[in-house]
Amino acid sequence: MSAKLFEIVLRIACDRVGVDDPWKFSEENKDKFASPEEDLGFQVALTTRPFIDYVLKCEVTDKDSYGQTRALTQSEKEEYGPVFRALFPKIDMDMVRYVEFVWYDSTEAPDYYMPAMVKKITIFGVDKLMQDEAFRKRMQELEERIGKTGKLRFRFSGIPYENLLFVEAETEELCEQILQGIETFLQENGYSEP
């Protein structure tokens, strides 16, 4: 049975430090990573987007699920800079985020990293849209193009029966670009908005 965990981590996105395969990287640097029996220290995050976490706290909790993220304070940068430089000698500590969240272990942990803008659009037939191969291909192309900057990301999640599509991005401008792209696709492919 899985437990609900409260974690505090210092998180770095792998693409910000040139790590293509975090699992291979952790194996190559296993002397600096926590062992499977340890809760604290460097670990590969069990998230969709690849992150490496430095776990500061991990405990069983009865708190409701939530998550938040912020930049490190100057004193935190000074305290943990040597720890991160042992693994990433040229790291910019401004890229490291302080993240706390509650999740169930044995599941995928949340991708908290940068504060994100979230917008929603109501679409009749959103379930069909999320299965549309042409839509998925168009969005994947956009994601790959944007992802090369290492600064922007987004994701889509459909909620059945509510006809809502949520768009999450790191900037409001990117949210608007994505929504415009979706609206163009809808018009070109016969989907309707209320």
C-alpha atoms as a PDB file:
ATOM      1  CA  MET A   1       0.000   0.000   0.000  1.00  0.00           C
ATOM      2  CA  SER A   2       1.371   3.409  -0.933  1.00  0.00           C
ATOM      3  CA  ALA A   3       1.891   6.142   1.643  1.00  0.00           C
ATOM      4  CA  LYS A   4       1.222   9.849   1.271  1.00  0.00           C
ATOM      5  CA  LEU A   5       4.536  11.683   1.506  1.00  0.00           C
ATOM      6  CA  PHE A   6       5.499  15.283   2.206  1.00  0.00           C
ATOM      7  CA  GLU A   7       8.772  16.200   0.500  1.00  0.00           C
ATOM      8  CA  ILE A   8      10.989  19.251   0.358  1.00  0.00           C
ATOM      9  CA  VAL A   9      13.558  19.149  -2.431  1.00  0.00           C
ATOM     10  CA  LEU A  10      15.982  21.386  -4.266  1.00  0.00           C
ATOM     11  CA  ARG A  11      15.213  20.616  -7.917  1.00  0.00           C
ATOM     12  CA  ILE A  12      17.133  21.125 -11.147  1.00  0.00           C
ATOM     13  CA  ALA A  13      15.784  20.308 -14.615  1.00  0.00           C
ATOM     14  CA  CYS A  14      18.137  17.915 -16.417  1.00  0.00           C
ATOM     15  CA  ASP A  15      18.064  19.970 -19.621  1.00  0.00           C
ATOM     16  CA  ARG A  16      19.464  22.948 -17.690  1.00  0.00           C
ATOM     17  CA  VAL A  17      22.627  21.032 -16.755  1.00  0.00           C
ATOM     18  CA  GLY A  18      23.184  19.005 -19.938  1.00  0.00           C
ATOM     19  CA  VAL A  19      21.960  15.655 -18.600  1.00  0.00           C
ATOM     20  CA  ASP A  20      20.197  13.617 -21.311  1.00  0.00           C
ATOM     21  CA  ASP A  21      19.594  10.431 -19.308  1.00  0.00           C
ATOM     22  CA  PRO A  22      19.221  11.045 -15.537  1.00  0.00           C
ATOM     23  CA  TRP A  23      19.266   7.326 -14.666  1.00  0.00           C
ATOM     24  CA  LYS A  24      22.526   6.752 -16.530  1.00  0.00           C
ATOM     25  CA  PHE A  25      23.933   9.942 -14.990  1.00  0.00           C
ATOM     26  CA  SER A  26      22.998   8.756 -11.485  1.00  0.00           C
ATOM     27  CA  GLU A  27      24.673   5.394 -12.121  1.00  0.00           C
ATOM     28  CA  GLU A  28      27.844   7.095 -13.362  1.00  0.00           C
ATOM     29  CA  ASN A  29      27.851   9.305 -10.240  1.00  0.00           C
ATOM     30  CA  LYS A  30      26.391   6.832  -7.746  1.00  0.00           C
ATOM     31  CA  ASP A  31      28.853   7.878  -5.038  1.00  0.00           C
ATOM     32  CA  LYS A  32      27.075  11.262  -4.962  1.00  0.00           C
ATOM     33  CA  PHE A  33      23.490   9.909  -5.116  1.00  0.00           C
ATOM     34  CA  ALA A  34      21.424   8.529  -2.251  1.00  0.00           C
ATOM     35  CA  SER A  35      21.218   4.753  -2.060  1.00  0.00           C
ATOM     36  CA  PRO A  36      17.796   3.079  -2.489  1.00  0.00           C
ATOM     37  CA  GLU A  37      17.587   2.735   1.307  1.00  0.00           C
ATOM     38  CA  GLU A  38      18.158   6.464   1.893  1.00  0.00           C
ATOM     39  CA  ASP A  39      15.453   9.137   1.755  1.00  0.00           C
ATOM     40  CA  LEU A  40      17.709  12.217   1.660  1.00  0.00           C
ATOM     41  CA  GLY A  41      20.337  13.405  -0.818  1.00  0.00           C
ATOM     42  CA  PHE A  42      20.491  13.473  -4.628  1.00  0.00           C
ATOM     43  CA  GLN A  43      17.853  11.372  -6.397  1.00  0.00           C
ATOM     44  CA  VAL A  44      16.348  11.110  -9.848  1.00  0.00           C
ATOM     45  CA  ALA A  45      12.825  12.557  -9.571  1.00  0.00           C
ATOM     46  CA  LEU A  46       9.978  10.194 -10.490  1.00  0.00           C
ATOM     47  CA  THR A  47       8.373  12.784 -12.758  1.00  0.00           C
ATOM     48  CA  THR A  48       7.387  13.118 -16.411  1.00  0.00           C
ATOM     49  CA  ARG A  49       9.947  15.838 -17.094  1.00  0.00           C
ATOM     50  CA  PRO A  50      13.451  14.717 -16.056  1.00  0.00           C
ATOM     51  CA  PHE A  51      14.694  16.380 -12.867  1.00  0.00           C
ATOM     52  CA  ILE A  52      17.381  15.687 -10.326  1.00  0.00           C
ATOM     53  CA  ASP A  53      16.284  16.435  -6.763  1.00  0.00           C
ATOM     54  CA  TYR A  54      18.349  17.037  -3.682  1.00  0.00           C
ATOM     55  CA  VAL A  55      15.903  15.766  -1.048  1.00  0.00           C
ATOM     56  CA  LEU A  56      15.962  17.769   2.180  1.00  0.00           C
ATOM     57  CA  LYS A  57      12.917  16.218   3.843  1.00  0.00           C
ATOM     58  CA  CYS A  58      10.706  13.195   3.196  1.00  0.00           C
ATOM     59  CA  GLU A  59       8.085  12.041   5.678  1.00  0.00           C
ATOM     60  CA  VAL A  60       4.705  10.324   5.801  1.00  0.00           C
ATOM     61  CA  THR A  61       1.886  12.846   6.150  1.00  0.00           C
ATOM     62  CA  ASP A  62      -1.889  13.205   6.243  1.00  0.00           C
ATOM     63  CA  LYS A  63      -1.822  16.622   4.523  1.00  0.00           C
ATOM     64  CA  ASP A  64      -3.927  17.214   1.420  1.00  0.00           C
ATOM     65  CA  SER A  65      -2.111  17.000  -1.911  1.00  0.00           C
ATOM     66  CA  TYR A  66      -0.503  20.284  -2.946  1.00  0.00           C
ATOM     67  CA  GLY A  67       2.712  21.705  -4.288  1.00  0.00           C
ATOM     68  CA  GLN A  68       4.562  24.996  -4.451  1.00  0.00           C
ATOM     69  CA  THR A  69       7.882  26.242  -5.734  1.00  0.00           C
ATOM     70  CA  ARG A  70      10.099  29.287  -5.277  1.00  0.00           C
ATOM     71  CA  ALA A  71      13.560  30.591  -6.021  1.00  0.00           C
ATOM     72  CA  LEU A  72      16.321  29.882  -3.515  1.00  0.00           C
ATOM     73  CA  THR A  73      17.205  32.588  -1.027  1.00  0.00           C
ATOM     74  CA  GLN A  74      20.740  33.945  -1.117  1.00  0.00           C
ATOM     75  CA  SER A  75      21.632  32.057   2.066  1.00  0.00           C
ATOM     76  CA  GLU A  76      20.276  28.799   0.547  1.00  0.00           C
ATOM     77  CA  LYS A  77      22.370  29.363  -2.582  1.00  0.00           C
ATOM     78  CA  GLU A  78      25.454  29.827  -0.420  1.00  0.00           C
ATOM     79  CA  GLU A  79      24.656  26.810   1.761  1.00  0.00           C
ATOM     80  CA  TYR A  80      23.810  24.353  -1.021  1.00  0.00           C
ATOM     81  CA  GLY A  81      26.014  25.735  -3.802  1.00  0.00           C
ATOM     82  CA  PRO A  82      28.985  23.522  -2.808  1.00  0.00           C
ATOM     83  CA  VAL A  83      26.692  20.459  -2.663  1.00  0.00           C
ATOM     84  CA  PHE A  84      25.426  21.029  -6.216  1.00  0.00           C
ATOM     85  CA  ARG A  85      28.853  22.013  -7.581  1.00  0.00           C
ATOM     86  CA  ALA A  86      30.205  18.646  -6.431  1.00  0.00           C
ATOM     87  CA  LEU A  87      27.859  17.133  -9.033  1.00  0.00           C
ATOM     88  CA  PHE A  88      27.607  20.037 -11.520  1.00  0.00           C
ATOM     89  CA  PRO A  89      30.811  22.141 -11.283  1.00  0.00           C
ATOM     90  CA  LYS A  90      29.494  25.030 -13.422  1.00  0.00           C
ATOM     91  CA  ILE A  91      25.912  25.134 -12.147  1.00  0.00           C
ATOM     92  CA  ASP A  92      24.067  28.434 -11.875  1.00  0.00           C
ATOM     93  CA  MET A  93      22.208  28.170  -8.556  1.00  0.00           C
ATOM     94  CA  ASP A  94      19.507  30.491  -9.935  1.00  0.00           C
ATOM     95  CA  MET A  95      18.324  27.460 -11.945  1.00  0.00           C
ATOM     96  CA  VAL A  96      17.755  25.409  -8.784  1.00  0.00           C
ATOM     97  CA  ARG A  97      14.250  25.634  -7.315  1.00  0.00           C
ATOM     98  CA  TYR A  98      13.003  25.020  -3.780  1.00  0.00           C
ATOM     99  CA  VAL A  99       9.993  22.713  -4.145  1.00  0.00           C
ATOM    100  CA  GLU A 100       7.667  21.232  -1.553  1.00  0.00           C
ATOM    101  CA  PHE A 101       4.820  18.893  -2.373  1.00  0.00           C
ATOM    102  CA  VAL A 102       2.596  16.076  -1.134  1.00  0.00           C
ATOM    103  CA  TRP A 103       2.145  12.929  -3.231  1.00  0.00           C
ATOM    104  CA  TYR A 104       1.534   9.203  -2.996  1.00  0.00           C
ATOM    105  CA  ASP A 105       4.667   7.109  -3.426  1.00  0.00           C
ATOM    106  CA  SER A 106       4.426   4.318  -6.016  1.00  0.00           C
ATOM    107  CA  THR A 107       2.845   6.910  -8.328  1.00  0.00           C
ATOM    108  CA  GLU A 108       4.280   9.558 -10.616  1.00  0.00           C
ATOM    109  CA  ALA A 109       5.438  12.553  -8.618  1.00  0.00           C
ATOM    110  CA  PRO A 110       4.284  16.034  -9.693  1.00  0.00           C
ATOM    111  CA  ASP A 111       6.425  18.068 -12.117  1.00  0.00           C
ATOM    112  CA  TYR A 112       6.681  21.177  -9.926  1.00  0.00           C
ATOM    113  CA  TYR A 113       9.560  23.388 -11.073  1.00  0.00           C
ATOM    114  CA  MET A 114       8.755  26.847 -12.401  1.00  0.00           C
ATOM    115  CA  PRO A 115       5.634  28.757 -11.428  1.00  0.00           C
ATOM    116  CA  ALA A 116       3.214  28.290 -14.314  1.00  0.00           C
ATOM    117  CA  MET A 117       0.367  30.140 -15.942  1.00  0.00           C
ATOM    118  CA  VAL A 118      -2.730  28.000 -16.389  1.00  0.00           C
ATOM    119  CA  LYS A 119      -5.532  28.808 -18.810  1.00  0.00           C
ATOM    120  CA  LYS A 120      -8.532  26.771 -19.826  1.00  0.00           C
ATOM    121  CA  ILE A 121     -10.556  26.532 -22.993  1.00  0.00           C
ATOM    122  CA  THR A 122     -13.965  24.876 -23.321  1.00  0.00           C
ATOM    123  CA  ILE A 123     -14.224  22.560 -26.322  1.00  0.00           C
ATOM    124  CA  PHE A 124     -17.126  20.292 -27.212  1.00  0.00           C
ATOM    125  CA  GLY A 125     -15.650  16.874 -27.879  1.00  0.00           C
ATOM    126  CA  VAL A 126     -12.416  17.405 -25.940  1.00  0.00           C
ATOM    127  CA  ASP A 127     -12.109  13.634 -25.391  1.00  0.00           C
ATOM    128  CA  LYS A 128     -12.106  13.104 -29.152  1.00  0.00           C
ATOM    129  CA  LEU A 129      -9.628  15.950 -29.596  1.00  0.00           C
ATOM    130  CA  MET A 130      -7.161  14.416 -27.130  1.00  0.00           C
ATOM    131  CA  GLN A 131      -7.235  11.187 -29.180  1.00  0.00           C
ATOM    132  CA  ASP A 132      -6.830  12.992 -32.521  1.00  0.00           C
ATOM    133  CA  GLU A 133      -3.464  11.945 -33.968  1.00  0.00           C
ATOM    134  CA  ALA A 134      -3.171  15.127 -36.059  1.00  0.00           C
ATOM    135  CA  PHE A 135      -3.754  17.282 -32.959  1.00  0.00           C
ATOM    136  CA  ARG A 136      -1.222  15.330 -30.926  1.00  0.00           C
ATOM    137  CA  LYS A 137       1.341  15.623 -33.723  1.00  0.00           C
ATOM    138  CA  ARG A 138       0.810  19.392 -34.035  1.00  0.00           C
ATOM    139  CA  MET A 139       1.211  19.877 -30.289  1.00  0.00           C
ATOM    140  CA  GLN A 140       4.264  17.606 -30.155  1.00  0.00           C
ATOM    141  CA  GLU A 141       5.957  19.651 -32.877  1.00  0.00           C
ATOM    142  CA  LEU A 142       5.301  22.835 -30.920  1.00  0.00           C
ATOM    143  CA  GLU A 143       6.522  21.268 -27.690  1.00  0.00           C
ATOM    144  CA  GLU A 144       9.751  20.079 -29.328  1.00  0.00           C
ATOM    145  CA  ARG A 145      10.414  23.477 -30.903  1.00  0.00           C
ATOM    146  CA  ILE A 146       9.817  25.342 -27.648  1.00  0.00           C
ATOM    147  CA  GLY A 147      11.606  22.750 -25.512  1.00  0.00           C
ATOM    148  CA  LYS A 148      14.898  23.372 -27.297  1.00  0.00           C
ATOM    149  CA  THR A 149      15.210  26.703 -25.485  1.00  0.00           C
ATOM    150  CA  GLY A 150      15.273  24.938 -22.116  1.00  0.00           C
ATOM    151  CA  LYS A 151      13.133  27.769 -20.745  1.00  0.00           C
ATOM    152  CA  LEU A 152       9.571  26.963 -21.733  1.00  0.00           C
ATOM    153  CA  ARG A 153       7.308  23.973 -21.455  1.00  0.00           C
ATOM    154  CA  PHE A 154       3.628  23.160 -21.493  1.00  0.00           C
ATOM    155  CA  ARG A 155       1.270  20.262 -21.112  1.00  0.00           C
ATOM    156  CA  PHE A 156      -2.293  19.381 -21.953  1.00  0.00           C
ATOM    157  CA  SER A 157      -4.789  17.532 -19.813  1.00  0.00           C
ATOM    158  CA  GLY A 158      -8.372  16.788 -20.787  1.00  0.00           C
ATOM    159  CA  ILE A 159     -11.086  16.309 -18.177  1.00  0.00           C
ATOM    160  CA  PRO A 160     -13.821  13.940 -19.408  1.00  0.00           C
ATOM    161  CA  TYR A 161     -17.420  15.190 -19.545  1.00  0.00           C
ATOM    162  CA  GLU A 162     -16.497  18.765 -18.597  1.00  0.00           C
ATOM    163  CA  ASN A 163     -15.304  19.644 -22.115  1.00  0.00           C
ATOM    164  CA  LEU A 164     -12.323  21.509 -20.683  1.00  0.00           C
ATOM    165  CA  LEU A 165      -8.787  21.558 -21.959  1.00  0.00           C
ATOM    166  CA  PHE A 166      -6.207  23.000 -19.563  1.00  0.00           C
ATOM    167  CA  VAL A 167      -3.061  24.567 -20.948  1.00  0.00           C
ATOM    168  CA  GLU A 168      -0.137  25.138 -18.592  1.00  0.00           C
ATOM    169  CA  ALA A 169       2.920  27.161 -19.515  1.00  0.00           C
ATOM    170  CA  GLU A 170       5.662  29.101 -17.771  1.00  0.00           C
ATOM    171  CA  THR A 171       4.622  32.455 -19.238  1.00  0.00           C
ATOM    172  CA  GLU A 172       1.306  34.083 -20.068  1.00  0.00           C
ATOM    173  CA  GLU A 173       2.623  34.918 -23.546  1.00  0.00           C
ATOM    174  CA  LEU A 174       3.333  31.246 -24.246  1.00  0.00           C
ATOM    175  CA  CYS A 175      -0.105  30.282 -22.929  1.00  0.00           C
ATOM    176  CA  GLU A 176      -1.675  32.694 -25.411  1.00  0.00           C
ATOM    177  CA  GLN A 177       0.461  31.364 -28.293  1.00  0.00           C
ATOM    178  CA  ILE A 178      -0.606  27.809 -27.513  1.00  0.00           C
ATOM    179  CA  LEU A 179      -4.281  28.750 -27.179  1.00  0.00           C
ATOM    180  CA  GLN A 180      -4.152  30.522 -30.550  1.00  0.00           C
ATOM    181  CA  GLY A 181      -2.603  27.415 -32.090  1.00  0.00           C
ATOM    182  CA  ILE A 182      -5.351  25.239 -30.598  1.00  0.00           C
ATOM    183  CA  GLU A 183      -8.103  27.562 -31.820  1.00  0.00           C
ATOM    184  CA  THR A 184      -6.640  27.508 -35.350  1.00  0.00           C
ATOM    185  CA  PHE A 185      -6.530  23.705 -35.275  1.00  0.00           C
ATOM    186  CA  LEU A 186     -10.144  23.542 -34.064  1.00  0.00           C
ATOM    187  CA  GLN A 187     -11.359  25.784 -36.879  1.00  0.00           C
ATOM    188  CA  GLU A 188      -9.409  23.861 -39.525  1.00  0.00           C
ATOM    189  CA  ASN A 189     -10.605  20.447 -38.326  1.00  0.00           C
ATOM    190  CA  GLY A 190     -14.281  20.911 -37.517  1.00  0.00           C
ATOM    191  CA  TYR A 191     -14.183  21.039 -33.713  1.00  0.00           C
ATOM    192  CA  SER A 192     -16.443  23.569 -32.040  1.00  0.00           C
ATOM    193  CA  GLU A 193     -16.231  25.950 -29.142  1.00  0.00           C
ATOM    194  CA  PRO A 194     -19.383  27.023 -27.283  1.00  0.00           C
END
